[in-house]
Amino acid sequence: MSFTFRPAVREAVGLLIGLAGGTGSGKTFSALRMASGIAGDKPFALIDTEAGRAKHYADQFRFDHGDLTPPFSPHAYAEAIIAADKAGYPVIVVDSVSHLWAGDGGVLDMQEAELARMAGDDWKKREAVKMAAWIKPKTEHKKMVQRLLQVRAHLILCFRAEEKIEMIRGDNGKMQIVKKQTATGLDGWVPVCEKNLPFELTASFLLLATQPGIPHPIKLQQQHRALFPLDKPITEESGKLIAQWASGAKPSTAAPPELPAGKDSTPAPAQQPDGAATYINPDDEKAIAECNDRKELEDVVKALMAGAKGDKPRRQSIAALGNARDAELTAGVDDFRAGLEAT
């Protein structure tokens, strides 16, 4: 078997964009505006899990609507997305992906059904096989993600987001309640989805009900900063610009929006209402994601931290990415052990 290389050219890059937010944050409207800009004069597809609520915008945008009803299994989502892709739509909006995780017949329900199948009402056995019961639903979810990454159309995924808190020990030694910090959320808001799915996204944003449609970056790489003004709602123009970038057009020579200066090539953090923000450096994300055991992860995180000395936002991002990867590696070991115990 021969293997060849050719110069890398940015062309026909598939977009996978996530919009997360609570009620009234403008997720659906922003997704439709962006999709309209990407699609141009062509209609786009919308897969609706919200009982047809997207039809409220039928007079404002040109799209074809499809209802996705329970059970919200990974297979059902994959089939709907593939059907839209085969139909030739340039953009597919999925509103929302959160039902895949927490909806009727979604991954959480699949895990509970698997647990009941394996242990019934034997609570001692249920505790022993609890992690093993995740193997089948997580495998189905991974298959769906792999199929999703192969579609030709651009994808815009809407996520519900929930505010989360956690208990930590403060500098004074006392426990205190703070907003939960994760690598896939922002300012305590966490998308309702499988924890690894956000890492597959090209870009993702948190939308808030206090500022509907205004993008607060969760993941935004340097080359996309100029496409999404952080002081204005997401519009058709943002969709048009990122579609041009994905097609291979040369980036605009216009300067990106003014943001507080960062270190090296790390994207500078945009100030949020409470002054907190997070950008994920793609090189950090890749280095941590490629770690295959906890010792390797510890060494990589230490090296990245040393390289980010003095850059607090980047160090916070590295810590969050490291914690997330550590949880994945630990879960993988637990799943394996639980599977052995269940046999």
Foldseek 3Di string as FASTA:
>chain_A
DDDDDDDDFQALFAAEEEEEEAPQLAQLVLVQQLLCLQQPPDAAEEEDAPVPPSCVCVVPHRYDYDYQYPPLELVSVLVVLVVRLVVPGQEYEYPACLCLDVNHNHLVVQLVVLLCVLQNPPVVVSVLQSLLSNVVRVVSNVVSVVSVNPGSHHYYHYFYKDAAWDWDQDPVRDIDIAQDDALQDPRRIHTNDPPCVSVPGPWYFYGYNVHHQQGATSEDAPLLQQLHDNVDGNGSSSSNQVSCVSRRHDRDPDDGDDAPDFPDRFDGFHQDPVRDGAYEDVVLLVCQLPDQALVSLVVSLVVVCVVRPPGVRHNSSSVNSSVVSNVVNVSVVVNVVSVVVSD
